[in-house]
Amino acid sequence: MRILRSNRHKNCADGSFMKEFVLNAEVTPEFLEFLKKFGSIEVVPGLGEGYYKFEKPDCFSIKGFLYDTGFEVRFKKEVLDLTSDFLYALMYYYQDGKPDFATLTRREEALMERVKNHLYGKKA
């Protein structure tokens, strides 16, 4: 799965930075299962069929609908530069349902150490 482009950007009242992304494929239940390895997923009933939220604490959240070719991402502004690269890596290393977990796990460990150091002034 790849991010093709970002349609809209805005600073949010809660201090986060929002970007809407257009993808080259639909978000599937299998993709959400993949994301669970890197954060938490909540499927929210009552907000439309297939509405989901993904949360990677201290980094970003993703909101969207199953089978859509886009989603909204809210980044923690203080670590936007660090975490946006990881979002792109998640998409790239998903590899059409055959994720490269070894590479992503290494990247995630390095990312979280840098994020914690940046946000809290200490190593993870």
C-alpha atoms as a PDB file:
ATOM      1  CA  MET A   1       0.000   0.000   0.000  1.00  0.00           C
ATOM      2  CA  ARG A   2       1.308   3.443  -0.841  1.00  0.00           C
ATOM      3  CA  ILE A   3       0.395   7.007   0.014  1.00  0.00           C
ATOM      4  CA  LEU A   4      -0.206   8.801  -3.269  1.00  0.00           C
ATOM      5  CA  ARG A   5      -0.659  12.319  -1.923  1.00  0.00           C
ATOM      6  CA  SER A   6      -1.916  14.441   0.907  1.00  0.00           C
ATOM      7  CA  ASN A   7      -5.025  16.469   0.136  1.00  0.00           C
ATOM      8  CA  ARG A   8      -5.418  18.716   3.132  1.00  0.00           C
ATOM      9  CA  HIS A   9      -3.366  19.889   6.104  1.00  0.00           C
ATOM     10  CA  LYS A  10      -4.399  21.884   9.135  1.00  0.00           C
ATOM     11  CA  ASN A  11      -3.405  22.755  12.672  1.00  0.00           C
ATOM     12  CA  CYS A  12      -6.012  21.448  15.104  1.00  0.00           C
ATOM     13  CA  ALA A  13      -7.281  23.089  18.282  1.00  0.00           C
ATOM     14  CA  ASP A  14      -5.859  20.241  20.395  1.00  0.00           C
ATOM     15  CA  GLY A  15      -2.322  21.036  19.186  1.00  0.00           C
ATOM     16  CA  SER A  16      -2.094  18.182  16.696  1.00  0.00           C
ATOM     17  CA  PHE A  17      -1.434  18.512  12.978  1.00  0.00           C
ATOM     18  CA  MET A  18      -3.920  16.814  10.641  1.00  0.00           C
ATOM     19  CA  LYS A  19      -3.251  15.485   7.147  1.00  0.00           C
ATOM     20  CA  GLU A  20      -5.667  13.700   4.841  1.00  0.00           C
ATOM     21  CA  PHE A  21      -3.974  11.054   2.706  1.00  0.00           C
ATOM     22  CA  VAL A  22      -5.015   9.384  -0.542  1.00  0.00           C
ATOM     23  CA  LEU A  23      -3.893   5.768  -0.899  1.00  0.00           C
ATOM     24  CA  ASN A  24      -3.320   3.560  -3.921  1.00  0.00           C
ATOM     25  CA  ALA A  25      -5.553   0.804  -2.444  1.00  0.00           C
ATOM     26  CA  GLU A  26      -8.523   0.354  -0.154  1.00  0.00           C
ATOM     27  CA  VAL A  27      -8.125  -0.061   3.600  1.00  0.00           C
ATOM     28  CA  THR A  28      -9.085  -3.682   4.310  1.00  0.00           C
ATOM     29  CA  PRO A  29      -9.749  -5.660   7.495  1.00  0.00           C
ATOM     30  CA  GLU A  30      -6.393  -7.389   6.861  1.00  0.00           C
ATOM     31  CA  PHE A  31      -4.637  -4.023   6.852  1.00  0.00           C
ATOM     32  CA  LEU A  32      -6.253  -3.120  10.190  1.00  0.00           C
ATOM     33  CA  GLU A  33      -5.031  -6.450  11.620  1.00  0.00           C
ATOM     34  CA  PHE A  34      -1.554  -5.491  10.446  1.00  0.00           C
ATOM     35  CA  LEU A  35      -1.799  -2.076  12.140  1.00  0.00           C
ATOM     36  CA  LYS A  36      -2.737  -3.742  15.460  1.00  0.00           C
ATOM     37  CA  LYS A  37       0.886  -4.870  15.787  1.00  0.00           C
ATOM     38  CA  PHE A  38       1.944  -1.209  16.099  1.00  0.00           C
ATOM     39  CA  GLY A  39      -0.839   0.327  18.166  1.00  0.00           C
ATOM     40  CA  SER A  40      -4.497  -0.084  19.041  1.00  0.00           C
ATOM     41  CA  ILE A  41      -7.481  -0.360  16.715  1.00  0.00           C
ATOM     42  CA  GLU A  42     -11.044   0.490  17.606  1.00  0.00           C
ATOM     43  CA  VAL A  43     -13.919  -0.157  15.219  1.00  0.00           C
ATOM     44  CA  VAL A  44     -16.563   2.375  16.163  1.00  0.00           C
ATOM     45  CA  PRO A  45     -20.180   1.346  15.619  1.00  0.00           C
ATOM     46  CA  GLY A  46     -22.795   4.008  15.000  1.00  0.00           C
ATOM     47  CA  LEU A  47     -20.548   6.402  13.043  1.00  0.00           C
ATOM     48  CA  GLY A  48     -20.966   4.709   9.706  1.00  0.00           C
ATOM     49  CA  GLU A  49     -20.216   1.236   8.482  1.00  0.00           C
ATOM     50  CA  GLY A  50     -16.585   0.306   8.979  1.00  0.00           C
ATOM     51  CA  TYR A  51     -15.422   3.435  10.825  1.00  0.00           C
ATOM     52  CA  TYR A  52     -12.139   2.746  12.637  1.00  0.00           C
ATOM     53  CA  LYS A  53      -9.534   4.527  14.748  1.00  0.00           C
ATOM     54  CA  PHE A  54      -5.902   3.503  15.072  1.00  0.00           C
ATOM     55  CA  GLU A  55      -3.753   4.988  17.833  1.00  0.00           C
ATOM     56  CA  LYS A  56       0.047   4.898  18.106  1.00  0.00           C
ATOM     57  CA  PRO A  57       0.621   6.644  21.453  1.00  0.00           C
ATOM     58  CA  ASP A  58       2.930   9.671  21.390  1.00  0.00           C
ATOM     59  CA  CYS A  59       3.018   9.524  17.575  1.00  0.00           C
ATOM     60  CA  PHE A  60      -0.189   9.691  15.531  1.00  0.00           C
ATOM     61  CA  SER A  61      -3.734   8.449  15.099  1.00  0.00           C
ATOM     62  CA  ILE A  62      -5.501   7.322  11.940  1.00  0.00           C
ATOM     63  CA  LYS A  63      -9.253   7.587  11.356  1.00  0.00           C
ATOM     64  CA  GLY A  64     -11.168   6.365   8.370  1.00  0.00           C
ATOM     65  CA  PHE A  65     -13.584   3.879   6.877  1.00  0.00           C
ATOM     66  CA  LEU A  66     -12.943   0.336   5.717  1.00  0.00           C
ATOM     67  CA  TYR A  67     -12.756  -0.004   1.930  1.00  0.00           C
ATOM     68  CA  ASP A  68     -11.996   3.705   1.516  1.00  0.00           C
ATOM     69  CA  THR A  69      -8.887   4.784  -0.389  1.00  0.00           C
ATOM     70  CA  GLY A  70      -7.973   7.459   2.097  1.00  0.00           C
ATOM     71  CA  PHE A  71      -7.739   8.322   5.766  1.00  0.00           C
ATOM     72  CA  GLU A  72      -7.073  11.187   8.165  1.00  0.00           C
ATOM     73  CA  VAL A  73      -3.943  11.207  10.291  1.00  0.00           C
ATOM     74  CA  ARG A  74      -3.403  13.426  13.321  1.00  0.00           C
ATOM     75  CA  PHE A  75       0.240  13.774  14.247  1.00  0.00           C
ATOM     76  CA  LYS A  76       1.597  14.935  17.564  1.00  0.00           C
ATOM     77  CA  LYS A  77       3.114  18.194  16.311  1.00  0.00           C
ATOM     78  CA  GLU A  78       6.261  18.000  18.467  1.00  0.00           C
ATOM     79  CA  VAL A  79       7.372  14.771  16.761  1.00  0.00           C
ATOM     80  CA  LEU A  80       5.779  15.190  13.326  1.00  0.00           C
ATOM     81  CA  ASP A  81       9.072  14.888  11.450  1.00  0.00           C
ATOM     82  CA  LEU A  82      10.003  11.666  13.257  1.00  0.00           C
ATOM     83  CA  THR A  83       6.612   9.983  13.049  1.00  0.00           C
ATOM     84  CA  SER A  84       5.562  10.875   9.506  1.00  0.00           C
ATOM     85  CA  ASP A  85       8.482   8.821   8.168  1.00  0.00           C
ATOM     86  CA  PHE A  86       7.260   5.831  10.181  1.00  0.00           C
ATOM     87  CA  LEU A  87       3.735   6.205   8.751  1.00  0.00           C
ATOM     88  CA  TYR A  88       5.167   6.050   5.221  1.00  0.00           C
ATOM     89  CA  ALA A  89       7.247   3.008   6.237  1.00  0.00           C
ATOM     90  CA  LEU A  90       4.128   1.246   7.568  1.00  0.00           C
ATOM     91  CA  MET A  91       2.469   1.673   4.192  1.00  0.00           C
ATOM     92  CA  TYR A  92       5.558   0.709   2.198  1.00  0.00           C
ATOM     93  CA  TYR A  93       6.477  -2.398   4.180  1.00  0.00           C
ATOM     94  CA  TYR A  94       2.901  -3.716   4.245  1.00  0.00           C
ATOM     95  CA  GLN A  95       3.692  -5.067   0.742  1.00  0.00           C
ATOM     96  CA  ASP A  96       0.243  -6.161  -0.422  1.00  0.00           C
ATOM     97  CA  GLY A  97      -0.620  -8.218   2.620  1.00  0.00           C
ATOM     98  CA  LYS A  98       2.865  -9.657   3.185  1.00  0.00           C
ATOM     99  CA  PRO A  99       4.353  -7.272   5.760  1.00  0.00           C
ATOM    100  CA  ASP A 100       8.044  -7.075   6.549  1.00  0.00           C
ATOM    101  CA  PHE A 101       7.672  -7.224  10.332  1.00  0.00           C
ATOM    102  CA  ALA A 102      11.400  -7.570  10.982  1.00  0.00           C
ATOM    103  CA  THR A 103      12.211  -4.247   9.319  1.00  0.00           C
ATOM    104  CA  LEU A 104       9.189  -2.481  10.795  1.00  0.00           C
ATOM    105  CA  THR A 105       9.914  -3.713  14.324  1.00  0.00           C
ATOM    106  CA  ARG A 106      13.477  -2.378  14.124  1.00  0.00           C
ATOM    107  CA  ARG A 107      12.232   0.953  12.798  1.00  0.00           C
ATOM    108  CA  GLU A 108       9.541   1.153  15.469  1.00  0.00           C
ATOM    109  CA  GLU A 109      12.034   0.529  18.285  1.00  0.00           C
ATOM    110  CA  ALA A 110      14.354   3.248  16.993  1.00  0.00           C
ATOM    111  CA  LEU A 111      11.436   5.627  16.456  1.00  0.00           C
ATOM    112  CA  MET A 112      10.005   5.178  19.947  1.00  0.00           C
ATOM    113  CA  GLU A 113      13.388   5.756  21.562  1.00  0.00           C
ATOM    114  CA  ARG A 114      13.775   9.032  19.647  1.00  0.00           C
ATOM    115  CA  VAL A 115      10.162  10.101  20.328  1.00  0.00           C
ATOM    116  CA  LYS A 116      10.394   9.434  24.075  1.00  0.00           C
ATOM    117  CA  ASN A 117      13.727  11.243  24.243  1.00  0.00           C
ATOM    118  CA  HIS A 118      12.281  14.223  22.372  1.00  0.00           C
ATOM    119  CA  LEU A 119       9.007  14.390  24.326  1.00  0.00           C
ATOM    120  CA  TYR A 120      10.169  13.400  27.786  1.00  0.00           C
ATOM    121  CA  GLY A 121      13.920  14.004  27.708  1.00  0.00           C
ATOM    122  CA  LYS A 122      14.798  10.402  28.360  1.00  0.00           C
ATOM    123  CA  LYS A 123      15.356   7.172  26.527  1.00  0.00           C
ATOM    124  CA  ALA A 124      12.520   4.671  26.111  1.00  0.00           C
END
